[in-house]
């Protein structure tokens, strides 16, 4: 068994064997080329990785619904503790696979640990209300039971956190989840629970399609693009299954003339440049009141110039590479489209001449709010800076894109803040004030509206998506009164 966060690092060969070697020599050369065989990556063995690792847990399937919820919480607590003991090496692995800086890799594993801690408390609170019955001698209760098998299709940019949100909550709810890693399986088996309660299938579209169409999969959680998410939703819907979708985001920060710029500049920088612009909550649009537009752009360009670009494992690095060559191409295409549509690149806009998929963090000004490229989510560090005059228009511009994930305003006006939070304000699932669009806490529900998919993960009442609800009426009297006073005799 191999966790999703491990598969590329463990399997990637850095060099090809020579042409047509003897079979034994070819095998030896291939093994030597694996990262785990190289001294620099010897720490991978701390995670139990070898030259060859089983791709899927070969164990017994079984649900945990019969285990009391507090006991399930205790097992999840142990999973969190086991992850905590390996947090730095796991964070290094996330950084190695995805390319995010080391502190973000460690932070992602910490997020999984935090969700485990949250799930422990949740395990003693799951349940429904006892409702008043209109019939004498009757009790009306709401019963929650595990939904069953939960499939999790995770994402390249948060390979640990996404399945952490899902699997930790799914397990305390009593489900068995189709994703795991070595550490989790060991904790499960130490508690006499089959390791295959959490199992793994590595693959691409073929595996995902099979999961979406499999009627045995009661809930399928998908994190990824809106285009693929729509395909997943339709396949699951055709079999009347349940899906949880976490899709794209074209997120905006709005800065009013009364904003504290000491908060605005670092917030915009982190939201636009963090993880090299490859978060679903990355700020893509920055709306500036016309009276402060030039000042903020000038300060932001200076801040961008201070961003330390380099090896993600270097503790001084703030900004690493994009994930793939294809991502670099998408970045360049977006920059070119922005220019063609009237934008001016005031910072960045080019590929960095160094090994790897490095591009410059980019700021584009001068585009109208409805420019096609502004309405296109590009998974890259490109920030479109736009002018506005009035609150009403900029709130409308925030909402005019198809996605509805995250949004934020910077202001000191209390009335404006509550208008922003209200029915005529932001239509996003995450609505912030005086903080960035990214960096959500695990205690609240995470997700968005419209083409973002409508799913919710992590905190609040997101646990309900992993369970099925039954309304139960119990007659403990000797009479049989019917509801609504109906007489049937």
Foldseek 3Di string as FASTA:
>chain_A
DAFPLCVCLLQDFPDQDDPPDPPVVRVVNRLCRRLCNDPVNVCVCVQVDDNDDDQKDPWDEDWQQVPQLLVLLVLLLVLLVLCVVCLQVQLVSLCVQFVAASVVSSVLSVLLSVLSVVSNVVSVVDFWDWDDDPDPQKTKGKGWAFLEEEEEADDSLRSRNRVSLVQSLLRSRTYQYAGDRDSSLVSCVVVVHHSVSYIYDDDPDVVLLCQLQDLNHQEYEYEEALVVQVVSVVNNVVSPHHYFFQHAAAEEEEEEPAFDLVLVQVQLCCLQCHSQLQDSLRHAEYEYAPVCQVVSVVSNQVVLVPAAEDRSHPPNHRHTAGRDPVLLVLLLVLLVLCVVQAKDWPFWNAADPDPGRRGRQTEIEDHALPRPSSLDDRSGNYHYYYYDHDDLVVQVSRAPHQWAFFYEYGHPDPVSLVCLVDPSHGQWPYYYYSHHSDDDHQADWHFTDGSSRPGTTGHDVNSSSRIDMDIDMDRRDPDDQDPPRDDDD
